[in-house]
């Protein structure tokens, strides 16, 4: 695993940076797809893991959640608006999405089974030394984690730092066919940009260490 900030490790994946998970203190954040469980558990050996949190309940973030929680005997923490989908496992059926074939395709490939949520995360909750920020738009219950002391942000899919189709680097909004409320997601982008994070850990792409670049990107977005 790669140390990207104090007590924040990025789990390696293949291709590198394509689908990211993080170990934040003793909390695993996101779990990639259902095919990643053994890989993630292998990488976590030797590390203390006492809880598992989701930034949001899409299948490329919750896919291995049930398996990992069962294997490690740890609780499952999810943002309030995504609890239903996280518990049912029907993440593309039970969450609103634009009418597009990609969510239907992904529903057969990425999600894992549902699991009962042990803790519902809302604005201001503590996750270790991070604070929960509600950053909806890409999903109703999307959350980010913010640590003021060193300005570290973990923001799931509020932004990506790569084009998820070409894998070329660059700042992007999440793909529109997975984002039911782009205007609200843009508001979330503007919110995180105003924090001027020193490092932004994303779900797809390398960590971003350029607050000015994030601010410029947020300012370039179309008005709501």
C-alpha atoms as a PDB file:
ATOM      1  CA  UNK A   1       0.000   0.000   0.000  1.00  0.00           C
ATOM      2  CA  UNK A   2       1.116   3.546  -0.709  1.00  0.00           C
ATOM      3  CA  UNK A   3       1.195   6.193   2.020  1.00  0.00           C
ATOM      4  CA  UNK A   4      -0.384   9.319   0.503  1.00  0.00           C
ATOM      5  CA  UNK A   5      -0.971  11.376   3.684  1.00  0.00           C
ATOM      6  CA  UNK A   6      -0.518  10.846   7.402  1.00  0.00           C
ATOM      7  CA  UNK A   7      -2.203   7.512   8.265  1.00  0.00           C
ATOM      8  CA  UNK A   8      -3.854   7.393   4.815  1.00  0.00           C
ATOM      9  CA  UNK A   9      -2.867   4.535   2.519  1.00  0.00           C
ATOM     10  CA  UNK A  10      -3.997   4.013  -1.064  1.00  0.00           C
ATOM     11  CA  UNK A  11      -4.468   0.353  -1.902  1.00  0.00           C
ATOM     12  CA  UNK A  12      -2.822  -0.623  -5.183  1.00  0.00           C
ATOM     13  CA  UNK A  13      -5.051  -1.778  -8.003  1.00  0.00           C
ATOM     14  CA  UNK A  14      -4.862  -2.847 -11.616  1.00  0.00           C
ATOM     15  CA  UNK A  15      -4.735  -0.809 -13.708  1.00  0.00           C
ATOM     16  CA  UNK A  16      -3.078   1.549 -11.208  1.00  0.00           C
ATOM     17  CA  UNK A  17      -5.377   4.288  -9.856  1.00  0.00           C
ATOM     18  CA  UNK A  18      -8.379   3.029 -11.829  1.00  0.00           C
ATOM     19  CA  UNK A  19     -10.558   2.046  -8.843  1.00  0.00           C
ATOM     20  CA  UNK A  20      -9.199   3.271  -5.535  1.00  0.00           C
ATOM     21  CA  UNK A  21      -9.715   2.211  -1.926  1.00  0.00           C
ATOM     22  CA  UNK A  22      -8.050   3.772   1.091  1.00  0.00           C
ATOM     23  CA  UNK A  23      -7.094   2.687   4.568  1.00  0.00           C
ATOM     24  CA  UNK A  24      -7.704   5.761   6.740  1.00  0.00           C
ATOM     25  CA  UNK A  25      -6.326   5.048  10.182  1.00  0.00           C
ATOM     26  CA  UNK A  26      -8.178   1.841  11.022  1.00  0.00           C
ATOM     27  CA  UNK A  27     -11.100   2.417   8.604  1.00  0.00           C
ATOM     28  CA  UNK A  28     -11.233   0.949   5.106  1.00  0.00           C
ATOM     29  CA  UNK A  29     -12.862   3.467   2.766  1.00  0.00           C
ATOM     30  CA  UNK A  30     -14.590   1.870  -0.255  1.00  0.00           C
ATOM     31  CA  UNK A  31     -14.121  -1.681  -1.498  1.00  0.00           C
ATOM     32  CA  UNK A  32     -13.944  -1.578  -5.321  1.00  0.00           C
ATOM     33  CA  UNK A  33     -15.919  -4.291  -7.174  1.00  0.00           C
ATOM     34  CA  UNK A  34     -17.094  -7.699  -6.007  1.00  0.00           C
ATOM     35  CA  UNK A  35     -14.054  -9.325  -7.649  1.00  0.00           C
ATOM     36  CA  UNK A  36     -11.624  -7.378  -5.444  1.00  0.00           C
ATOM     37  CA  UNK A  37     -12.387  -8.936  -2.034  1.00  0.00           C
ATOM     38  CA  UNK A  38      -9.493 -11.396  -1.853  1.00  0.00           C
ATOM     39  CA  UNK A  39      -7.042  -8.840  -3.185  1.00  0.00           C
ATOM     40  CA  UNK A  40      -8.117  -6.202  -0.644  1.00  0.00           C
ATOM     41  CA  UNK A  41      -8.055  -8.638   2.258  1.00  0.00           C
ATOM     42  CA  UNK A  42      -4.559  -9.727   1.270  1.00  0.00           C
ATOM     43  CA  UNK A  43      -3.339  -6.108   1.195  1.00  0.00           C
ATOM     44  CA  UNK A  44      -4.907  -5.411   4.606  1.00  0.00           C
ATOM     45  CA  UNK A  45      -3.019  -8.238   6.347  1.00  0.00           C
ATOM     46  CA  UNK A  46      -0.902  -6.894   9.156  1.00  0.00           C
ATOM     47  CA  UNK A  47      -2.972  -3.696   9.440  1.00  0.00           C
ATOM     48  CA  UNK A  48      -5.553  -2.923  12.105  1.00  0.00           C
ATOM     49  CA  UNK A  49      -8.972  -2.505  10.416  1.00  0.00           C
ATOM     50  CA  UNK A  50     -11.921  -1.852  12.711  1.00  0.00           C
ATOM     51  CA  UNK A  51     -14.583  -0.429  10.380  1.00  0.00           C
ATOM     52  CA  UNK A  52     -15.503  -0.064   6.724  1.00  0.00           C
ATOM     53  CA  UNK A  53     -17.013   3.119   5.280  1.00  0.00           C
ATOM     54  CA  UNK A  54     -18.355   3.961   1.829  1.00  0.00           C
ATOM     55  CA  UNK A  55     -18.093   7.280   0.052  1.00  0.00           C
ATOM     56  CA  UNK A  56     -21.147   6.067  -1.884  1.00  0.00           C
ATOM     57  CA  UNK A  57     -22.912   2.826  -2.747  1.00  0.00           C
ATOM     58  CA  UNK A  58     -22.138   2.406  -6.450  1.00  0.00           C
ATOM     59  CA  UNK A  59     -20.954  -1.064  -7.414  1.00  0.00           C
ATOM     60  CA  UNK A  60     -17.328  -0.076  -7.977  1.00  0.00           C
ATOM     61  CA  UNK A  61     -17.176   1.208  -4.388  1.00  0.00           C
ATOM     62  CA  UNK A  62     -19.346  -1.306  -2.469  1.00  0.00           C
ATOM     63  CA  UNK A  63     -18.663  -4.448  -4.476  1.00  0.00           C
ATOM     64  CA  UNK A  64     -16.569  -6.247  -1.840  1.00  0.00           C
ATOM     65  CA  UNK A  65     -18.100  -4.583   1.211  1.00  0.00           C
ATOM     66  CA  UNK A  66     -20.196  -7.482   2.486  1.00  0.00           C
ATOM     67  CA  UNK A  67     -17.365  -9.983   2.012  1.00  0.00           C
ATOM     68  CA  UNK A  68     -14.795  -7.773   3.735  1.00  0.00           C
ATOM     69  CA  UNK A  69     -17.043  -6.912   6.680  1.00  0.00           C
ATOM     70  CA  UNK A  70     -17.830 -10.604   7.160  1.00  0.00           C
ATOM     71  CA  UNK A  71     -14.206 -11.718   6.867  1.00  0.00           C
ATOM     72  CA  UNK A  72     -12.897  -9.097   9.313  1.00  0.00           C
ATOM     73  CA  UNK A  73     -15.952  -8.905  11.575  1.00  0.00           C
ATOM     74  CA  UNK A  74     -16.150  -5.136  11.225  1.00  0.00           C
ATOM     75  CA  UNK A  75     -19.103  -2.696  11.044  1.00  0.00           C
ATOM     76  CA  UNK A  76     -20.386  -1.094   7.854  1.00  0.00           C
ATOM     77  CA  UNK A  77     -20.749   2.703   7.701  1.00  0.00           C
ATOM     78  CA  UNK A  78     -22.707   4.420   4.895  1.00  0.00           C
ATOM     79  CA  UNK A  79     -24.036   7.899   4.135  1.00  0.00           C
ATOM     80  CA  UNK A  80     -27.705   8.334   4.970  1.00  0.00           C
ATOM     81  CA  UNK A  81     -29.018   8.688   1.420  1.00  0.00           C
ATOM     82  CA  UNK A  82     -27.322   5.491   0.211  1.00  0.00           C
ATOM     83  CA  UNK A  83     -28.277   3.156   3.060  1.00  0.00           C
ATOM     84  CA  UNK A  84     -31.143   1.465   1.201  1.00  0.00           C
ATOM     85  CA  UNK A  85     -29.015   0.513  -1.786  1.00  0.00           C
ATOM     86  CA  UNK A  86     -26.073  -0.536   0.391  1.00  0.00           C
ATOM     87  CA  UNK A  87     -28.323  -2.874   2.344  1.00  0.00           C
ATOM     88  CA  UNK A  88     -30.150  -4.333  -0.664  1.00  0.00           C
ATOM     89  CA  UNK A  89     -27.142  -4.687  -2.956  1.00  0.00           C
ATOM     90  CA  UNK A  90     -29.373  -3.508  -5.816  1.00  0.00           C
ATOM     91  CA  UNK A  91     -27.242  -0.429  -6.164  1.00  0.00           C
ATOM     92  CA  UNK A  92     -28.223   0.517  -9.700  1.00  0.00           C
ATOM     93  CA  UNK A  93     -31.855  -0.491  -9.321  1.00  0.00           C
ATOM     94  CA  UNK A  94     -32.487   1.133  -5.923  1.00  0.00           C
ATOM     95  CA  UNK A  95     -30.583   4.354  -6.646  1.00  0.00           C
ATOM     96  CA  UNK A  96     -31.793   6.844  -9.254  1.00  0.00           C
ATOM     97  CA  UNK A  97     -29.750   6.943 -12.451  1.00  0.00           C
ATOM     98  CA  UNK A  98     -30.186   8.523 -15.873  1.00  0.00           C
ATOM     99  CA  UNK A  99     -31.670   6.240 -18.497  1.00  0.00           C
ATOM    100  CA  UNK A 100     -28.548   4.829 -20.098  1.00  0.00           C
ATOM    101  CA  UNK A 101     -27.277   1.306 -20.842  1.00  0.00           C
ATOM    102  CA  UNK A 102     -24.111   1.668 -18.749  1.00  0.00           C
ATOM    103  CA  UNK A 103     -25.762   1.451 -15.302  1.00  0.00           C
ATOM    104  CA  UNK A 104     -27.682  -1.612 -16.472  1.00  0.00           C
ATOM    105  CA  UNK A 105     -24.450  -3.187 -17.733  1.00  0.00           C
ATOM    106  CA  UNK A 106     -22.539  -2.402 -14.542  1.00  0.00           C
ATOM    107  CA  UNK A 107     -25.341  -3.872 -12.433  1.00  0.00           C
ATOM    108  CA  UNK A 108     -24.336  -7.301 -13.755  1.00  0.00           C
ATOM    109  CA  UNK A 109     -20.583  -6.835 -13.244  1.00  0.00           C
ATOM    110  CA  UNK A 110     -19.601  -4.719 -10.247  1.00  0.00           C
ATOM    111  CA  UNK A 111     -21.989  -4.767  -7.251  1.00  0.00           C
ATOM    112  CA  UNK A 112     -21.685  -7.228  -4.428  1.00  0.00           C
ATOM    113  CA  UNK A 113     -24.428  -8.408  -2.087  1.00  0.00           C
ATOM    114  CA  UNK A 114     -26.039  -6.030   0.350  1.00  0.00           C
ATOM    115  CA  UNK A 115     -25.328  -5.985   4.045  1.00  0.00           C
ATOM    116  CA  UNK A 116     -26.994  -4.365   7.040  1.00  0.00           C
ATOM    117  CA  UNK A 117     -25.571  -0.914   7.744  1.00  0.00           C
ATOM    118  CA  UNK A 118     -24.269  -0.536  11.296  1.00  0.00           C
ATOM    119  CA  UNK A 119     -23.739   3.220  11.333  1.00  0.00           C
ATOM    120  CA  UNK A 120     -25.399   5.926   9.242  1.00  0.00           C
ATOM    121  CA  UNK A 121     -22.972   8.737   8.444  1.00  0.00           C
ATOM    122  CA  UNK A 122     -24.155  12.343   8.294  1.00  0.00           C
ATOM    123  CA  UNK A 123     -22.588  15.798   8.137  1.00  0.00           C
ATOM    124  CA  UNK A 124     -20.146  16.452  10.961  1.00  0.00           C
ATOM    125  CA  UNK A 125     -19.706  12.854  12.107  1.00  0.00           C
ATOM    126  CA  UNK A 126     -16.196  11.764  13.038  1.00  0.00           C
ATOM    127  CA  UNK A 127     -14.455   8.957  11.165  1.00  0.00           C
ATOM    128  CA  UNK A 128     -11.191   8.659  13.018  1.00  0.00           C
ATOM    129  CA  UNK A 129      -9.584  12.087  12.770  1.00  0.00           C
ATOM    130  CA  UNK A 130     -11.641  12.965   9.691  1.00  0.00           C
ATOM    131  CA  UNK A 131     -14.980  14.752   9.551  1.00  0.00           C
ATOM    132  CA  UNK A 132     -17.855  13.667   7.317  1.00  0.00           C
ATOM    133  CA  UNK A 133     -18.979  16.153   4.665  1.00  0.00           C
ATOM    134  CA  UNK A 134     -22.209  15.485   2.791  1.00  0.00           C
ATOM    135  CA  UNK A 135     -21.322  15.903  -0.889  1.00  0.00           C
ATOM    136  CA  UNK A 136     -24.353  14.650  -2.845  1.00  0.00           C
ATOM    137  CA  UNK A 137     -25.066  14.725  -6.556  1.00  0.00           C
ATOM    138  CA  UNK A 138     -23.262  11.659  -7.877  1.00  0.00           C
ATOM    139  CA  UNK A 139     -25.486   9.810  -5.418  1.00  0.00           C
ATOM    140  CA  UNK A 140     -27.964  11.031  -2.830  1.00  0.00           C
ATOM    141  CA  UNK A 141     -25.884   9.838   0.107  1.00  0.00           C
ATOM    142  CA  UNK A 142     -22.406  10.575  -1.220  1.00  0.00           C
ATOM    143  CA  UNK A 143     -19.998  11.668   1.519  1.00  0.00           C
ATOM    144  CA  UNK A 144     -16.438  12.945   1.646  1.00  0.00           C
ATOM    145  CA  UNK A 145     -13.952  12.838   4.527  1.00  0.00           C
ATOM    146  CA  UNK A 146     -12.041  15.986   5.527  1.00  0.00           C
ATOM    147  CA  UNK A 147      -9.121  16.455   7.892  1.00  0.00           C
ATOM    148  CA  UNK A 148      -8.566  20.114   8.615  1.00  0.00           C
ATOM    149  CA  UNK A 149      -5.205  19.683  10.359  1.00  0.00           C
ATOM    150  CA  UNK A 150      -3.323  18.824   7.165  1.00  0.00           C
ATOM    151  CA  UNK A 151      -6.075  19.648   4.642  1.00  0.00           C
ATOM    152  CA  UNK A 152      -6.514  16.058   3.445  1.00  0.00           C
ATOM    153  CA  UNK A 153      -9.716  15.228   1.568  1.00  0.00           C
ATOM    154  CA  UNK A 154     -11.112  11.872   0.463  1.00  0.00           C
ATOM    155  CA  UNK A 155     -13.923  12.642  -1.963  1.00  0.00           C
ATOM    156  CA  UNK A 156     -14.984   9.465  -3.758  1.00  0.00           C
ATOM    157  CA  UNK A 157     -16.455  10.404  -7.133  1.00  0.00           C
ATOM    158  CA  UNK A 158     -17.267  14.077  -6.575  1.00  0.00           C
ATOM    159  CA  UNK A 159     -14.458  14.548  -9.101  1.00  0.00           C
ATOM    160  CA  UNK A 160     -12.138  12.209 -10.942  1.00  0.00           C
ATOM    161  CA  UNK A 161      -8.507  12.932 -11.787  1.00  0.00           C
ATOM    162  CA  UNK A 162      -8.590  10.758 -14.879  1.00  0.00           C
ATOM    163  CA  UNK A 163     -10.902  10.171 -17.791  1.00  0.00           C
ATOM    164  CA  UNK A 164     -12.478   6.866 -16.782  1.00  0.00           C
ATOM    165  CA  UNK A 165     -12.861   5.823 -20.422  1.00  0.00           C
ATOM    166  CA  UNK A 166      -9.369   6.638 -21.732  1.00  0.00           C
ATOM    167  CA  UNK A 167      -7.540   6.609 -18.350  1.00  0.00           C
ATOM    168  CA  UNK A 168      -5.758   9.809 -19.358  1.00  0.00           C
ATOM    169  CA  UNK A 169      -5.076  12.210 -16.477  1.00  0.00           C
ATOM    170  CA  UNK A 170      -7.154  15.336 -15.996  1.00  0.00           C
ATOM    171  CA  UNK A 171      -9.874  16.769 -13.777  1.00  0.00           C
ATOM    172  CA  UNK A 172     -13.404  15.719 -14.665  1.00  0.00           C
ATOM    173  CA  UNK A 173     -16.909  15.649 -13.327  1.00  0.00           C
ATOM    174  CA  UNK A 174     -18.149  12.083 -12.769  1.00  0.00           C
ATOM    175  CA  UNK A 175     -19.675  10.390 -15.783  1.00  0.00           C
ATOM    176  CA  UNK A 176     -23.149  11.823 -16.438  1.00  0.00           C
ATOM    177  CA  UNK A 177     -24.792   8.437 -16.922  1.00  0.00           C
ATOM    178  CA  UNK A 178     -23.922   7.548 -13.318  1.00  0.00           C
ATOM    179  CA  UNK A 179     -24.791  10.962 -11.883  1.00  0.00           C
ATOM    180  CA  UNK A 180     -28.500  11.622 -11.332  1.00  0.00           C
ATOM    181  CA  UNK A 181     -28.047  15.229 -10.189  1.00  0.00           C
ATOM    182  CA  UNK A 182     -25.101  16.936 -11.952  1.00  0.00           C
ATOM    183  CA  UNK A 183     -26.060  20.409 -10.681  1.00  0.00           C
ATOM    184  CA  UNK A 184     -25.917  19.253  -7.061  1.00  0.00           C
ATOM    185  CA  UNK A 185     -22.634  17.466  -7.730  1.00  0.00           C
ATOM    186  CA  UNK A 186     -21.209  20.726  -9.119  1.00  0.00           C
ATOM    187  CA  UNK A 187     -22.211  22.432  -5.903  1.00  0.00           C
ATOM    188  CA  UNK A 188     -20.306  19.693  -4.061  1.00  0.00           C
ATOM    189  CA  UNK A 189     -17.267  20.309  -6.294  1.00  0.00           C
ATOM    190  CA  UNK A 190     -17.391  24.010  -5.456  1.00  0.00           C
ATOM    191  CA  UNK A 191     -17.682  23.178  -1.775  1.00  0.00           C
ATOM    192  CA  UNK A 192     -14.591  20.980  -1.707  1.00  0.00           C
ATOM    193  CA  UNK A 193     -12.647  23.477  -3.831  1.00  0.00           C
ATOM    194  CA  UNK A 194     -13.340  26.209  -1.279  1.00  0.00           C
ATOM    195  CA  UNK A 195     -11.613  24.064   1.354  1.00  0.00           C
ATOM    196  CA  UNK A 196      -8.348  24.383  -0.624  1.00  0.00           C
ATOM    197  CA  UNK A 197      -7.284  20.804   0.185  1.00  0.00           C
ATOM    198  CA  UNK A 198      -3.568  20.081   0.059  1.00  0.00           C
ATOM    199  CA  UNK A 199      -4.332  16.582  -1.223  1.00  0.00           C
ATOM    200  CA  UNK A 200      -7.518  15.170  -2.755  1.00  0.00           C
ATOM    201  CA  UNK A 201      -7.851  11.381  -2.778  1.00  0.00           C
ATOM    202  CA  UNK A 202     -10.373  10.315  -5.420  1.00  0.00           C
ATOM    203  CA  UNK A 203     -12.109   7.127  -6.430  1.00  0.00           C
ATOM    204  CA  UNK A 204     -10.654   7.159  -9.929  1.00  0.00           C
ATOM    205  CA  UNK A 205      -7.235   8.622 -10.653  1.00  0.00           C
ATOM    206  CA  UNK A 206      -4.130   9.732  -8.809  1.00  0.00           C
ATOM    207  CA  UNK A 207      -4.357  11.965  -5.736  1.00  0.00           C
ATOM    208  CA  UNK A 208      -4.415  15.660  -6.611  1.00  0.00           C
ATOM    209  CA  UNK A 209      -1.963  17.956  -4.798  1.00  0.00           C
ATOM    210  CA  UNK A 210      -2.870  21.276  -6.406  1.00  0.00           C
ATOM    211  CA  UNK A 211      -5.590  23.318  -4.664  1.00  0.00           C
ATOM    212  CA  UNK A 212      -5.346  26.097  -7.261  1.00  0.00           C
ATOM    213  CA  UNK A 213      -6.050  23.620 -10.059  1.00  0.00           C
ATOM    214  CA  UNK A 214      -9.130  22.362  -8.238  1.00  0.00           C
ATOM    215  CA  UNK A 215     -10.372  25.923  -7.687  1.00  0.00           C
ATOM    216  CA  UNK A 216      -9.864  26.772 -11.374  1.00  0.00           C
ATOM    217  CA  UNK A 217     -11.746  23.644 -12.381  1.00  0.00           C
ATOM    218  CA  UNK A 218     -14.636  24.439 -10.038  1.00  0.00           C
ATOM    219  CA  UNK A 219     -14.822  27.995 -11.409  1.00  0.00           C
ATOM    220  CA  UNK A 220     -14.990  26.650 -14.979  1.00  0.00           C
ATOM    221  CA  UNK A 221     -18.114  24.578 -14.359  1.00  0.00           C
ATOM    222  CA  UNK A 222     -21.364  25.717 -15.936  1.00  0.00           C
ATOM    223  CA  UNK A 223     -23.746  27.548 -13.604  1.00  0.00           C
ATOM    224  CA  UNK A 224     -26.478  25.523 -11.926  1.00  0.00           C
END
